[in-house]
C-alpha atoms as a PDB file:
ATOM      1  CA  UNK A   1     -55.302 -22.175 -13.525  1.00  0.00           C
ATOM      2  CA  UNK A   2     -51.763 -21.689 -13.512  1.00  0.00           C
ATOM      3  CA  UNK A   3     -51.165 -21.175 -16.657  1.00  0.00           C
ATOM      4  CA  UNK A   4     -48.609 -18.007 -17.203  1.00  0.00           C
ATOM      5  CA  UNK A   5     -48.105 -18.532 -20.969  1.00  0.00           C
ATOM      6  CA  UNK A   6     -46.967 -15.218 -22.561  1.00  0.00           C
ATOM      7  CA  UNK A   7     -46.523 -13.208 -19.218  1.00  0.00           C
ATOM      8  CA  UNK A   8     -43.353 -12.013 -18.872  1.00  0.00           C
ATOM      9  CA  UNK A   9     -41.656 -12.133 -14.788  1.00  0.00           C
ATOM     10  CA  UNK A  10     -38.668  -9.898 -13.323  1.00  0.00           C
ATOM     11  CA  UNK A  11     -37.212 -11.554  -9.756  1.00  0.00           C
ATOM     12  CA  UNK A  12     -34.795  -9.602  -7.866  1.00  0.00           C
ATOM     13  CA  UNK A  13     -32.354 -11.633  -6.455  1.00  0.00           C
ATOM     14  CA  UNK A  14     -33.499 -14.979  -8.550  1.00  0.00           C
ATOM     15  CA  UNK A  15     -30.057 -16.727  -8.482  1.00  0.00           C
ATOM     16  CA  UNK A  16     -30.451 -18.443  -5.653  1.00  0.00           C
ATOM     17  CA  UNK A  17     -32.220 -19.334  -2.381  1.00  0.00           C
ATOM     18  CA  UNK A  18     -36.088 -18.305  -2.517  1.00  0.00           C
ATOM     19  CA  UNK A  19     -35.896 -16.332  -5.868  1.00  0.00           C
ATOM     20  CA  UNK A  20     -34.065 -19.011  -7.446  1.00  0.00           C
ATOM     21  CA  UNK A  21     -37.029 -20.988  -6.284  1.00  0.00           C
ATOM     22  CA  UNK A  22     -39.705 -18.542  -7.310  1.00  0.00           C
ATOM     23  CA  UNK A  23     -38.191 -17.969 -10.825  1.00  0.00           C
ATOM     24  CA  UNK A  24     -38.271 -21.706 -11.763  1.00  0.00           C
ATOM     25  CA  UNK A  25     -41.774 -22.140  -9.990  1.00  0.00           C
ATOM     26  CA  UNK A  26     -42.871 -19.817 -12.474  1.00  0.00           C
ATOM     27  CA  UNK A  27     -41.007 -21.021 -15.641  1.00  0.00           C
ATOM     28  CA  UNK A  28     -42.459 -24.299 -15.024  1.00  0.00           C
ATOM     29  CA  UNK A  29     -45.731 -22.969 -15.434  1.00  0.00           C
ATOM     30  CA  UNK A  30     -45.186 -21.206 -18.744  1.00  0.00           C
ATOM     31  CA  UNK A  31     -43.693 -17.876 -17.885  1.00  0.00           C
ATOM     32  CA  UNK A  32     -40.862 -15.996 -19.282  1.00  0.00           C
ATOM     33  CA  UNK A  33     -38.099 -15.293 -16.788  1.00  0.00           C
ATOM     34  CA  UNK A  34     -35.736 -12.204 -16.070  1.00  0.00           C
ATOM     35  CA  UNK A  35     -33.095 -13.039 -13.253  1.00  0.00           C
ATOM     36  CA  UNK A  36     -31.513 -10.429 -11.708  1.00  0.00           C
ATOM     37  CA  UNK A  37     -28.621 -11.132  -9.951  1.00  0.00           C
ATOM     38  CA  UNK A  38     -25.716  -8.935  -8.380  1.00  0.00           C
ATOM     39  CA  UNK A  39     -22.176 -10.911  -7.632  1.00  0.00           C
ATOM     40  CA  UNK A  40     -23.156 -14.582  -7.967  1.00  0.00           C
ATOM     41  CA  UNK A  41     -22.718 -15.009 -11.916  1.00  0.00           C
ATOM     42  CA  UNK A  42     -22.033 -18.749 -11.712  1.00  0.00           C
ATOM     43  CA  UNK A  43     -25.627 -19.379  -9.984  1.00  0.00           C
ATOM     44  CA  UNK A  44     -27.224 -16.793 -12.356  1.00  0.00           C
ATOM     45  CA  UNK A  45     -26.233 -18.973 -15.394  1.00  0.00           C
ATOM     46  CA  UNK A  46     -26.774 -22.360 -13.803  1.00  0.00           C
ATOM     47  CA  UNK A  47     -30.316 -20.730 -12.993  1.00  0.00           C
ATOM     48  CA  UNK A  48     -31.103 -19.660 -16.485  1.00  0.00           C
ATOM     49  CA  UNK A  49     -30.064 -23.155 -17.553  1.00  0.00           C
ATOM     50  CA  UNK A  50     -32.550 -24.312 -15.023  1.00  0.00           C
ATOM     51  CA  UNK A  51     -35.415 -22.024 -16.210  1.00  0.00           C
ATOM     52  CA  UNK A  52     -34.682 -22.442 -20.062  1.00  0.00           C
ATOM     53  CA  UNK A  53     -35.481 -26.641 -19.862  1.00  0.00           C
ATOM     54  CA  UNK A  54     -38.820 -25.629 -18.999  1.00  0.00           C
ATOM     55  CA  UNK A  55     -38.788 -24.235 -22.935  1.00  0.00           C
ATOM     56  CA  UNK A  56     -39.198 -20.668 -21.949  1.00  0.00           C
ATOM     57  CA  UNK A  57     -37.355 -17.491 -22.658  1.00  0.00           C
ATOM     58  CA  UNK A  58     -34.565 -16.135 -19.623  1.00  0.00           C
ATOM     59  CA  UNK A  59     -32.806 -13.064 -19.494  1.00  0.00           C
ATOM     60  CA  UNK A  60     -30.128 -12.832 -16.656  1.00  0.00           C
ATOM     61  CA  UNK A  61     -29.097  -9.305 -15.989  1.00  0.00           C
ATOM     62  CA  UNK A  62     -26.689  -7.907 -13.544  1.00  0.00           C
ATOM     63  CA  UNK A  63     -27.819  -4.997 -11.354  1.00  0.00           C
ATOM     64  CA  UNK A  64     -27.523  -3.947  -7.746  1.00  0.00           C
ATOM     65  CA  UNK A  65     -31.084  -2.701  -6.826  1.00  0.00           C
ATOM     66  CA  UNK A  66     -30.355  -0.363  -4.357  1.00  0.00           C
ATOM     67  CA  UNK A  67     -28.567   1.530  -6.987  1.00  0.00           C
ATOM     68  CA  UNK A  68     -31.296   3.793  -8.962  1.00  0.00           C
ATOM     69  CA  UNK A  69     -28.625   4.042 -11.714  1.00  0.00           C
ATOM     70  CA  UNK A  70     -28.510   0.027 -12.059  1.00  0.00           C
ATOM     71  CA  UNK A  71     -32.085  -0.154 -12.117  1.00  0.00           C
ATOM     72  CA  UNK A  72     -32.636   2.235 -14.875  1.00  0.00           C
ATOM     73  CA  UNK A  73     -29.682   0.323 -16.974  1.00  0.00           C
ATOM     74  CA  UNK A  74     -31.802  -3.149 -16.259  1.00  0.00           C
ATOM     75  CA  UNK A  75     -35.005  -1.629 -17.248  1.00  0.00           C
ATOM     76  CA  UNK A  76     -33.364  -0.208 -20.575  1.00  0.00           C
ATOM     77  CA  UNK A  77     -32.355  -4.096 -21.047  1.00  0.00           C
ATOM     78  CA  UNK A  78     -35.267  -5.570 -20.355  1.00  0.00           C
ATOM     79  CA  UNK A  79     -37.418  -3.102 -22.699  1.00  0.00           C
ATOM     80  CA  UNK A  80     -34.927  -4.311 -25.568  1.00  0.00           C
ATOM     81  CA  UNK A  81     -35.694  -7.527 -24.939  1.00  0.00           C
ATOM     82  CA  UNK A  82     -39.416  -7.376 -23.868  1.00  0.00           C
ATOM     83  CA  UNK A  83     -42.885  -5.378 -25.034  1.00  0.00           C
ATOM     84  CA  UNK A  84     -44.308  -6.190 -21.491  1.00  0.00           C
ATOM     85  CA  UNK A  85     -43.675  -6.873 -17.531  1.00  0.00           C
ATOM     86  CA  UNK A  86     -46.473  -9.085 -16.378  1.00  0.00           C
ATOM     87  CA  UNK A  87     -44.784  -9.723 -12.765  1.00  0.00           C
ATOM     88  CA  UNK A  88     -42.490  -8.099 -10.861  1.00  0.00           C
ATOM     89  CA  UNK A  89     -40.812 -10.001  -7.368  1.00  0.00           C
ATOM     90  CA  UNK A  90     -38.927  -7.669  -5.009  1.00  0.00           C
ATOM     91  CA  UNK A  91     -37.107 -10.530  -3.175  1.00  0.00           C
ATOM     92  CA  UNK A  92     -33.308  -8.919  -3.671  1.00  0.00           C
ATOM     93  CA  UNK A  93     -32.021  -8.428   0.184  1.00  0.00           C
ATOM     94  CA  UNK A  94     -29.365  -7.828   2.196  1.00  0.00           C
ATOM     95  CA  UNK A  95     -28.302  -5.953   5.533  1.00  0.00           C
ATOM     96  CA  UNK A  96     -26.070  -6.081   8.496  1.00  0.00           C
ATOM     97  CA  UNK A  97     -26.239  -8.525  11.574  1.00  0.00           C
ATOM     98  CA  UNK A  98     -25.375  -6.511  14.756  1.00  0.00           C
ATOM     99  CA  UNK A  99     -26.600  -5.423  17.986  1.00  0.00           C
ATOM    100  CA  UNK A 100     -28.292  -1.699  18.187  1.00  0.00           C
ATOM    101  CA  UNK A 101     -25.488  -0.405  19.831  1.00  0.00           C
ATOM    102  CA  UNK A 102     -23.132  -0.873  17.144  1.00  0.00           C
ATOM    103  CA  UNK A 103     -24.648   0.374  14.101  1.00  0.00           C
ATOM    104  CA  UNK A 104     -24.303   2.957  12.213  1.00  0.00           C
ATOM    105  CA  UNK A 105     -25.591   5.562   9.464  1.00  0.00           C
ATOM    106  CA  UNK A 106     -24.194   3.420   6.934  1.00  0.00           C
ATOM    107  CA  UNK A 107     -25.500  -0.152   8.064  1.00  0.00           C
ATOM    108  CA  UNK A 108     -29.415   1.491   8.547  1.00  0.00           C
ATOM    109  CA  UNK A 109     -28.869   3.538   4.718  1.00  0.00           C
ATOM    110  CA  UNK A 110     -27.645  -0.081   3.350  1.00  0.00           C
ATOM    111  CA  UNK A 111     -30.488  -2.196   4.600  1.00  0.00           C
ATOM    112  CA  UNK A 112     -33.314   0.653   3.870  1.00  0.00           C
ATOM    113  CA  UNK A 113     -32.130   1.163   0.318  1.00  0.00           C
ATOM    114  CA  UNK A 114     -31.876  -2.240  -0.853  1.00  0.00           C
ATOM    115  CA  UNK A 115     -34.789  -3.678   1.116  1.00  0.00           C
ATOM    116  CA  UNK A 116     -37.080  -0.996   0.954  1.00  0.00           C
ATOM    117  CA  UNK A 117     -36.518   1.773  -1.197  1.00  0.00           C
ATOM    118  CA  UNK A 118     -35.155  -0.563  -3.751  1.00  0.00           C
ATOM    119  CA  UNK A 119     -39.170  -1.748  -4.237  1.00  0.00           C
ATOM    120  CA  UNK A 120     -40.489   1.852  -5.139  1.00  0.00           C
ATOM    121  CA  UNK A 121     -38.051   2.340  -7.673  1.00  0.00           C
ATOM    122  CA  UNK A 122     -38.548  -1.157  -9.473  1.00  0.00           C
ATOM    123  CA  UNK A 123     -42.324  -0.330  -9.157  1.00  0.00           C
ATOM    124  CA  UNK A 124     -41.949   2.990 -10.596  1.00  0.00           C
ATOM    125  CA  UNK A 125     -40.097   1.647 -13.690  1.00  0.00           C
ATOM    126  CA  UNK A 126     -42.113  -1.484 -13.796  1.00  0.00           C
ATOM    127  CA  UNK A 127     -45.352  -0.466 -13.807  1.00  0.00           C
ATOM    128  CA  UNK A 128     -45.237   1.439 -17.256  1.00  0.00           C
ATOM    129  CA  UNK A 129     -44.503  -1.888 -18.606  1.00  0.00           C
ATOM    130  CA  UNK A 130     -47.515  -3.417 -17.107  1.00  0.00           C
ATOM    131  CA  UNK A 131     -51.192  -3.855 -17.848  1.00  0.00           C
ATOM    132  CA  UNK A 132     -54.478  -4.405 -16.098  1.00  0.00           C
ATOM    133  CA  UNK A 133     -54.249  -7.787 -13.925  1.00  0.00           C
ATOM    134  CA  UNK A 134     -50.454  -7.893 -13.558  1.00  0.00           C
ATOM    135  CA  UNK A 135     -48.733  -8.261 -10.244  1.00  0.00           C
ATOM    136  CA  UNK A 136     -45.985  -7.012  -8.026  1.00  0.00           C
ATOM    137  CA  UNK A 137     -44.761  -8.952  -4.999  1.00  0.00           C
ATOM    138  CA  UNK A 138     -42.270  -7.962  -2.373  1.00  0.00           C
ATOM    139  CA  UNK A 139     -40.602 -10.956  -0.292  1.00  0.00           C
ATOM    140  CA  UNK A 140     -40.355  -9.881   3.848  1.00  0.00           C
ATOM    141  CA  UNK A 141     -39.755 -11.836   6.819  1.00  0.00           C
ATOM    142  CA  UNK A 142     -41.418 -11.741  10.466  1.00  0.00           C
ATOM    143  CA  UNK A 143     -38.659  -9.909  11.603  1.00  0.00           C
ATOM    144  CA  UNK A 144     -40.962  -6.917  10.180  1.00  0.00           C
ATOM    145  CA  UNK A 145     -42.819  -7.229  13.401  1.00  0.00           C
ATOM    146  CA  UNK A 146     -40.754  -9.038  15.594  1.00  0.00           C
ATOM    147  CA  UNK A 147     -37.650  -8.487  17.787  1.00  0.00           C
ATOM    148  CA  UNK A 148     -34.826 -10.804  16.812  1.00  0.00           C
ATOM    149  CA  UNK A 149     -31.476 -10.562  18.138  1.00  0.00           C
ATOM    150  CA  UNK A 150     -29.158  -8.443  15.572  1.00  0.00           C
ATOM    151  CA  UNK A 151     -32.017  -7.853  13.257  1.00  0.00           C
ATOM    152  CA  UNK A 152     -32.733  -4.303  14.086  1.00  0.00           C
ATOM    153  CA  UNK A 153     -32.099  -2.570  10.553  1.00  0.00           C
ATOM    154  CA  UNK A 154     -33.430  -5.446   8.588  1.00  0.00           C
ATOM    155  CA  UNK A 155     -36.252  -5.814  10.708  1.00  0.00           C
ATOM    156  CA  UNK A 156     -36.923  -2.055  10.215  1.00  0.00           C
ATOM    157  CA  UNK A 157     -36.398  -2.048   6.547  1.00  0.00           C
ATOM    158  CA  UNK A 158     -38.778  -5.084   6.238  1.00  0.00           C
ATOM    159  CA  UNK A 159     -41.201  -3.080   8.025  1.00  0.00           C
ATOM    160  CA  UNK A 160     -40.602  -0.378   5.668  1.00  0.00           C
ATOM    161  CA  UNK A 161     -40.851  -2.561   3.300  1.00  0.00           C
ATOM    162  CA  UNK A 162     -44.438  -3.736   4.108  1.00  0.00           C
ATOM    163  CA  UNK A 163     -45.776  -0.487   4.924  1.00  0.00           C
ATOM    164  CA  UNK A 164     -44.624   0.553   1.066  1.00  0.00           C
ATOM    165  CA  UNK A 165     -46.693  -2.189  -0.252  1.00  0.00           C
ATOM    166  CA  UNK A 166     -49.961  -0.921   1.204  1.00  0.00           C
ATOM    167  CA  UNK A 167     -49.532   2.728  -0.317  1.00  0.00           C
ATOM    168  CA  UNK A 168     -48.775   0.973  -4.048  1.00  0.00           C
ATOM    169  CA  UNK A 169     -51.644  -0.780  -3.074  1.00  0.00           C
ATOM    170  CA  UNK A 170     -53.940   1.778  -2.982  1.00  0.00           C
ATOM    171  CA  UNK A 171     -51.930   3.877  -5.626  1.00  0.00           C
ATOM    172  CA  UNK A 172     -51.819   1.055  -8.220  1.00  0.00           C
ATOM    173  CA  UNK A 173     -55.429  -1.118  -7.802  1.00  0.00           C
ATOM    174  CA  UNK A 174     -57.365   1.404 -10.067  1.00  0.00           C
ATOM    175  CA  UNK A 175     -54.968   0.485 -12.433  1.00  0.00           C
ATOM    176  CA  UNK A 176     -55.795  -3.605 -11.682  1.00  0.00           C
ATOM    177  CA  UNK A 177     -52.295  -4.197 -10.785  1.00  0.00           C
ATOM    178  CA  UNK A 178     -52.334  -6.380  -7.580  1.00  0.00           C
ATOM    179  CA  UNK A 179     -49.623  -5.867  -4.684  1.00  0.00           C
ATOM    180  CA  UNK A 180     -48.869  -7.918  -2.126  1.00  0.00           C
ATOM    181  CA  UNK A 181     -46.386  -8.991   0.451  1.00  0.00           C
ATOM    182  CA  UNK A 182     -45.003 -12.297   1.096  1.00  0.00           C
ATOM    183  CA  UNK A 183     -43.914 -13.312   4.761  1.00  0.00           C
ATOM    184  CA  UNK A 184     -41.419 -16.028   5.062  1.00  0.00           C
ATOM    185  CA  UNK A 185     -40.832 -17.753   8.256  1.00  0.00           C
ATOM    186  CA  UNK A 186     -37.803 -19.175   9.050  1.00  0.00           C
ATOM    187  CA  UNK A 187     -35.911 -21.156   5.725  1.00  0.00           C
ATOM    188  CA  UNK A 188     -32.469 -22.483   5.798  1.00  0.00           C
ATOM    189  CA  UNK A 189     -30.966 -20.606   2.724  1.00  0.00           C
ATOM    190  CA  UNK A 190     -27.062 -18.722   2.975  1.00  0.00           C
ATOM    191  CA  UNK A 191     -29.000 -15.954   4.000  1.00  0.00           C
ATOM    192  CA  UNK A 192     -29.428 -17.996   7.380  1.00  0.00           C
ATOM    193  CA  UNK A 193     -25.738 -19.070   7.739  1.00  0.00           C
ATOM    194  CA  UNK A 194     -24.771 -15.467   8.010  1.00  0.00           C
ATOM    195  CA  UNK A 195     -26.581 -15.184  11.278  1.00  0.00           C
ATOM    196  CA  UNK A 196     -24.125 -16.051  14.239  1.00  0.00           C
ATOM    197  CA  UNK A 197     -26.970 -18.425  16.051  1.00  0.00           C
ATOM    198  CA  UNK A 198     -28.112 -20.218  12.881  1.00  0.00           C
ATOM    199  CA  UNK A 199     -28.099 -23.489  14.904  1.00  0.00           C
ATOM    200  CA  UNK A 200     -30.286 -21.908  17.913  1.00  0.00           C
ATOM    201  CA  UNK A 201     -32.944 -20.493  15.352  1.00  0.00           C
ATOM    202  CA  UNK A 202     -33.188 -23.269  13.313  1.00  0.00           C
ATOM    203  CA  UNK A 203     -33.913 -25.429  16.297  1.00  0.00           C
ATOM    204  CA  UNK A 204     -36.254 -22.868  18.302  1.00  0.00           C
ATOM    205  CA  UNK A 205     -38.291 -22.672  14.756  1.00  0.00           C
ATOM    206  CA  UNK A 206     -38.505 -26.788  14.739  1.00  0.00           C
ATOM    207  CA  UNK A 207     -39.944 -26.676  18.007  1.00  0.00           C
ATOM    208  CA  UNK A 208     -42.460 -23.932  17.836  1.00  0.00           C
ATOM    209  CA  UNK A 209     -43.837 -24.532  14.468  1.00  0.00           C
ATOM    210  CA  UNK A 210     -46.966 -26.607  14.631  1.00  0.00           C
ATOM    211  CA  UNK A 211     -45.835 -28.321  11.120  1.00  0.00           C
ATOM    212  CA  UNK A 212     -42.665 -29.663  12.361  1.00  0.00           C
ATOM    213  CA  UNK A 213     -40.324 -28.916  10.032  1.00  0.00           C
ATOM    214  CA  UNK A 214     -39.100 -25.287   8.672  1.00  0.00           C
ATOM    215  CA  UNK A 215     -40.253 -23.184   5.414  1.00  0.00           C
ATOM    216  CA  UNK A 216     -38.404 -23.854   2.232  1.00  0.00           C
ATOM    217  CA  UNK A 217     -38.208 -22.376  -0.679  1.00  0.00           C
ATOM    218  CA  UNK A 218     -40.864 -24.329  -2.279  1.00  0.00           C
ATOM    219  CA  UNK A 219     -43.341 -23.532   0.118  1.00  0.00           C
ATOM    220  CA  UNK A 220     -42.511 -19.504  -0.704  1.00  0.00           C
ATOM    221  CA  UNK A 221     -42.503 -20.350  -4.237  1.00  0.00           C
ATOM    222  CA  UNK A 222     -45.868 -22.108  -4.170  1.00  0.00           C
ATOM    223  CA  UNK A 223     -47.501 -18.917  -2.815  1.00  0.00           C
ATOM    224  CA  UNK A 224     -45.761 -16.840  -5.088  1.00  0.00           C
ATOM    225  CA  UNK A 225     -47.866 -19.109  -8.348  1.00  0.00           C
ATOM    226  CA  UNK A 226     -50.907 -18.794  -6.192  1.00  0.00           C
ATOM    227  CA  UNK A 227     -50.693 -14.952  -6.173  1.00  0.00           C
ATOM    228  CA  UNK A 228     -49.609 -14.699  -9.938  1.00  0.00           C
ATOM    229  CA  UNK A 229     -52.902 -16.882 -10.772  1.00  0.00           C
ATOM    230  CA  UNK A 230     -56.944 -15.908 -11.357  1.00  0.00           C
ATOM    231  CA  UNK A 231     -57.663 -17.695  -7.756  1.00  0.00           C
ATOM    232  CA  UNK A 232     -55.936 -14.552  -6.210  1.00  0.00           C
ATOM    233  CA  UNK A 233     -57.871 -11.812  -8.004  1.00  0.00           C
ATOM    234  CA  UNK A 234     -59.300 -10.336  -4.864  1.00  0.00           C
ATOM    235  CA  UNK A 235     -55.986 -10.463  -2.299  1.00  0.00           C
ATOM    236  CA  UNK A 236     -54.436  -7.191  -2.730  1.00  0.00           C
ATOM    237  CA  UNK A 237     -52.391  -4.761   0.039  1.00  0.00           C
ATOM    238  CA  UNK A 238     -51.998  -7.776   1.883  1.00  0.00           C
ATOM    239  CA  UNK A 239     -49.138  -9.622   3.855  1.00  0.00           C
ATOM    240  CA  UNK A 240     -49.448 -12.884   3.534  1.00  0.00           C
ATOM    241  CA  UNK A 241     -47.560 -15.597   6.206  1.00  0.00           C
ATOM    242  CA  UNK A 242     -46.105 -18.818   4.766  1.00  0.00           C
ATOM    243  CA  UNK A 243     -44.265 -20.539   8.065  1.00  0.00           C
ATOM    244  CA  UNK A 244     -46.307 -23.604   9.189  1.00  0.00           C
ATOM    245  CA  UNK A 245     -47.781 -21.520  11.501  1.00  0.00           C
ATOM    246  CA  UNK A 246     -45.193 -20.468  13.700  1.00  0.00           C
ATOM    247  CA  UNK A 247     -45.998 -17.186  14.003  1.00  0.00           C
ATOM    248  CA  UNK A 248     -48.942 -17.857  15.624  1.00  0.00           C
ATOM    249  CA  UNK A 249     -47.232 -19.095  18.720  1.00  0.00           C
ATOM    250  CA  UNK A 250     -46.726 -16.168  20.342  1.00  0.00           C
END
């Protein structure tokens, strides 16, 4: 059911947090994994070692996926090592946390390039290596559809990401390539530590989540594994939320 032996997966932002959890979950189920990272070399090395303990191949590639030239170079390295790509997870994300009136064009472009446009560039290079049954997944957040303080450019870029997934799904569906979005609730990763009101976000989430706990990277990874399986064969172009019920409380 979850046998991914013979599959090759690329996880952007795969050295830490949610990306690392997804990379490990796919490796646990037999997939060879390409871990993309941009700054944290030590974390990437540790992730590669953890993945290889599952008896699969792992390649770490440094590339800033917001830059097309980096994506082109990364796929050149991937093609040198693998004949095909079966799974693409666009997880790398960034952005500035500021009030609306303090935002600049640079802030806007930065968030849009890495959180939305990167998926377009990644898909354009990945699809020629894919066959029917391949998967493309993008990791989003509830800020794509909700107003979160200081989250303006990140939320807008995540909304653009989710729209792009729907358009990719229409065009790639006839090729047999499934495209979906995973929208995660509040996950206590290094990214959340950048929020000035981190403690408030965590406390409110705990109060409002019917299941009574935060979403973990492992929860997100479990959903990614499901979307890679034959059980998800008719799930296409969707935004699937994993948040313990947080979003249903208004």
